[in-house]
C-alpha atoms as a PDB file:
ATOM      1  CA  MET A   1      60.508 127.565 171.859  1.00  0.00           C
ATOM      2  CA  ASN A   2      62.987 125.968 169.680  1.00  0.00           C
ATOM      3  CA  PHE A   3      64.649 127.662 167.010  1.00  0.00           C
ATOM      4  CA  ARG A   4      66.226 124.891 164.419  1.00  0.00           C
ATOM      5  CA  PHE A   5      69.343 126.504 162.502  1.00  0.00           C
ATOM      6  CA  TYR A   6      69.732 123.389 160.311  1.00  0.00           C
ATOM      7  CA  SER A   7      67.233 121.645 158.350  1.00  0.00           C
ATOM      8  CA  ASN A   8      66.940 117.907 157.385  1.00  0.00           C
ATOM      9  CA  MET A   9      68.163 118.535 153.928  1.00  0.00           C
ATOM     10  CA  LEU A  10      71.276 120.029 155.794  1.00  0.00           C
ATOM     11  CA  SER A  11      71.779 117.006 157.781  1.00  0.00           C
ATOM     12  CA  SER A  12      71.274 114.614 154.970  1.00  0.00           C
ATOM     13  CA  ALA A  13      73.768 116.326 152.559  1.00  0.00           C
ATOM     14  CA  SER A  14      76.728 116.688 155.371  1.00  0.00           C
ATOM     15  CA  ARG A  15      76.147 112.744 156.192  1.00  0.00           C
ATOM     16  CA  HIS A  16      76.176 112.095 152.606  1.00  0.00           C
ATOM     17  CA  PHE A  17      79.211 113.941 152.024  1.00  0.00           C
ATOM     18  CA  ALA A  18      80.771 112.280 155.311  1.00  0.00           C
ATOM     19  CA  ALA A  19      80.171 108.634 153.438  1.00  0.00           C
ATOM     20  CA  GLY A  20      81.784 109.796 150.364  1.00  0.00           C
ATOM     21  CA  ALA A  21      84.812 111.416 151.974  1.00  0.00           C
ATOM     22  CA  PHE A  22      84.750 108.271 153.930  1.00  0.00           C
ATOM     23  CA  ILE A  23      84.766 105.692 150.998  1.00  0.00           C
ATOM     24  CA  VAL A  24      87.262 108.131 149.315  1.00  0.00           C
ATOM     25  CA  GLY A  25      89.519 107.775 152.035  1.00  0.00           C
ATOM     26  CA  LEU A  26      88.924 104.100 152.064  1.00  0.00           C
ATOM     27  CA  LEU A  27      89.924 103.822 148.539  1.00  0.00           C
ATOM     28  CA  LEU A  28      93.003 105.870 149.062  1.00  0.00           C
ATOM     29  CA  ILE A  29      94.408 103.667 151.605  1.00  0.00           C
ATOM     30  CA  GLY A  30      93.504 100.408 149.440  1.00  0.00           C
ATOM     31  CA  PHE A  31      95.061 101.834 146.447  1.00  0.00           C
ATOM     32  CA  GLY A  32      98.522 102.972 148.798  1.00  0.00           C
ATOM     33  CA  PHE A  33      98.616  99.621 150.472  1.00  0.00           C
ATOM     34  CA  LEU A  34      98.085  97.562 146.479  1.00  0.00           C
ATOM     35  CA  ILE A  35     100.992 100.155 145.146  1.00  0.00           C
ATOM     36  CA  TYR A  36     103.323  99.456 148.164  1.00  0.00           C
ATOM     37  CA  ILE A  37     102.657  95.649 147.875  1.00  0.00           C
ATOM     38  CA  LEU A  38     102.502  95.190 144.444  1.00  0.00           C
ATOM     39  CA  ARG A  39     105.352  97.835 143.315  1.00  0.00           C
ATOM     40  CA  ASP A  40     107.407  95.808 140.915  1.00  0.00           C
ATOM     41  CA  LEU A  41     103.807  95.218 138.943  1.00  0.00           C
ATOM     42  CA  PHE A  42     103.024  98.904 138.917  1.00  0.00           C
ATOM     43  CA  ALA A  43     106.887  99.965 137.978  1.00  0.00           C
ATOM     44  CA  ILE A  44     106.224  97.847 134.675  1.00  0.00           C
ATOM     45  CA  LEU A  45     103.272  99.155 134.132  1.00  0.00           C
ATOM     46  CA  PHE A  46     104.240 102.275 134.260  1.00  0.00           C
ATOM     47  CA  ALA A  47     107.053 101.772 132.323  1.00  0.00           C
ATOM     48  CA  ALA A  48     105.044 100.079 129.563  1.00  0.00           C
ATOM     49  CA  ILE A  49     102.887 103.233 129.468  1.00  0.00           C
ATOM     50  CA  PHE A  50     105.711 105.681 129.027  1.00  0.00           C
ATOM     51  CA  VAL A  51     107.332 103.221 126.230  1.00  0.00           C
ATOM     52  CA  LEU A  52     103.816 102.907 124.466  1.00  0.00           C
ATOM     53  CA  THR A  53     103.715 106.920 124.339  1.00  0.00           C
ATOM     54  CA  GLY A  54     107.192 107.576 122.922  1.00  0.00           C
ATOM     55  CA  ILE A  55     106.379 105.156 120.562  1.00  0.00           C
ATOM     56  CA  ALA A  56     103.489 106.938 119.831  1.00  0.00           C
ATOM     57  CA  SER A  57     105.203 110.299 119.589  1.00  0.00           C
ATOM     58  CA  LEU A  58     107.826 108.956 117.405  1.00  0.00           C
ATOM     59  CA  ILE A  59     105.375 107.522 114.631  1.00  0.00           C
ATOM     60  CA  THR A  60     103.245 111.351 114.717  1.00  0.00           C
ATOM     61  CA  ALA A  61     106.659 113.138 114.307  1.00  0.00           C
ATOM     62  CA  ALA A  62     107.861 111.210 111.684  1.00  0.00           C
ATOM     63  CA  LYS A  63     104.428 111.136 109.667  1.00  0.00           C
ATOM     64  CA  ILE A  64     104.702 115.218 110.384  1.00  0.00           C
ATOM     65  CA  LEU A  65     108.476 114.962 108.936  1.00  0.00           C
ATOM     66  CA  TRP A  66     107.403 112.733 105.838  1.00  0.00           C
ATOM     67  CA  THR A  67     104.235 114.834 105.085  1.00  0.00           C
ATOM     68  CA  SER A  68     106.640 118.479 105.183  1.00  0.00           C
ATOM     69  CA  ARG A  69     109.632 116.899 102.918  1.00  0.00           C
ATOM     70  CA  ARG A  70     106.756 115.701 100.297  1.00  0.00           C
ATOM     71  CA  ILE A  71     104.923 119.091 100.176  1.00  0.00           C
ATOM     72  CA  ARG A  72     108.456 120.807 100.084  1.00  0.00           C
ATOM     73  CA  LYS A  73     109.884 118.269  97.777  1.00  0.00           C
ATOM     74  CA  ASP A  74     106.338 119.223  95.470  1.00  0.00           C
ATOM     75  CA  ILE A  75     106.810 122.905  95.491  1.00  0.00           C
ATOM     76  CA  PHE A  76     110.430 123.150  94.607  1.00  0.00           C
ATOM     77  CA  ASP A  77     110.074 120.552  91.559  1.00  0.00           C
ATOM     78  CA  ASP A  78     107.274 122.857  90.273  1.00  0.00           C
ATOM     79  CA  ALA A  79     109.227 125.804  90.664  1.00  0.00           C
ATOM     80  CA  ASP A  80     109.987 126.358  86.924  1.00  0.00           C
ATOM     81  CA  ALA A  81     106.388 125.725  85.754  1.00  0.00           C
ATOM     82  CA  THR A  82     104.559 128.222  85.147  1.00  0.00           C
ATOM     83  CA  ARG A  83     100.608 128.394  84.972  1.00  0.00           C
ATOM     84  CA  LYS A  84      98.263 128.390  82.203  1.00  0.00           C
ATOM     85  CA  ASN A  85      95.247 130.420  81.472  1.00  0.00           C
ATOM     86  CA  VAL A  86      96.142 133.221  83.584  1.00  0.00           C
ATOM     87  CA  THR A  87      96.486 136.969  82.586  1.00  0.00           C
ATOM     88  CA  ILE A  88      97.291 139.739  84.474  1.00  0.00           C
ATOM     89  CA  HIS A  89      95.477 142.551  84.038  1.00  0.00           C
ATOM     90  CA  TYR A  90      96.784 146.237  84.782  1.00  0.00           C
ATOM     91  CA  GLN A  91      95.894 149.454  84.185  1.00  0.00           C
ATOM     92  CA  GLU A  92      98.433 152.394  83.361  1.00  0.00           C
ATOM     93  CA  HIS A  93      97.088 155.491  84.887  1.00  0.00           C
ATOM     94  CA  TYR A  94      99.064 159.094  83.775  1.00  0.00           C
ATOM     95  CA  ASP A  95      98.054 162.015  85.234  1.00  0.00           C
ATOM     96  CA  VAL A  96      99.463 164.761  83.097  1.00  0.00           C
END
């Protein structure tokens, strides 16, 4: 009597996993050789990415600083202004 501790699904799943791992390994080896051979191109590419990210960061920082300065300027310009149509209601409680 034969007992099988694995099914066809398990065998199929392990074959698919092995095929996927094989493809990923080949891709990693290929990218490694490509980066080794074209290192100047990749250095320029990554330098351009860092420069563009830095420029985007500077633009965002300038926008935030400009907006905060404008808001602060609006607040201090209206420091002497009074509000119209505002009444203060208060009740006096005297316990005598």
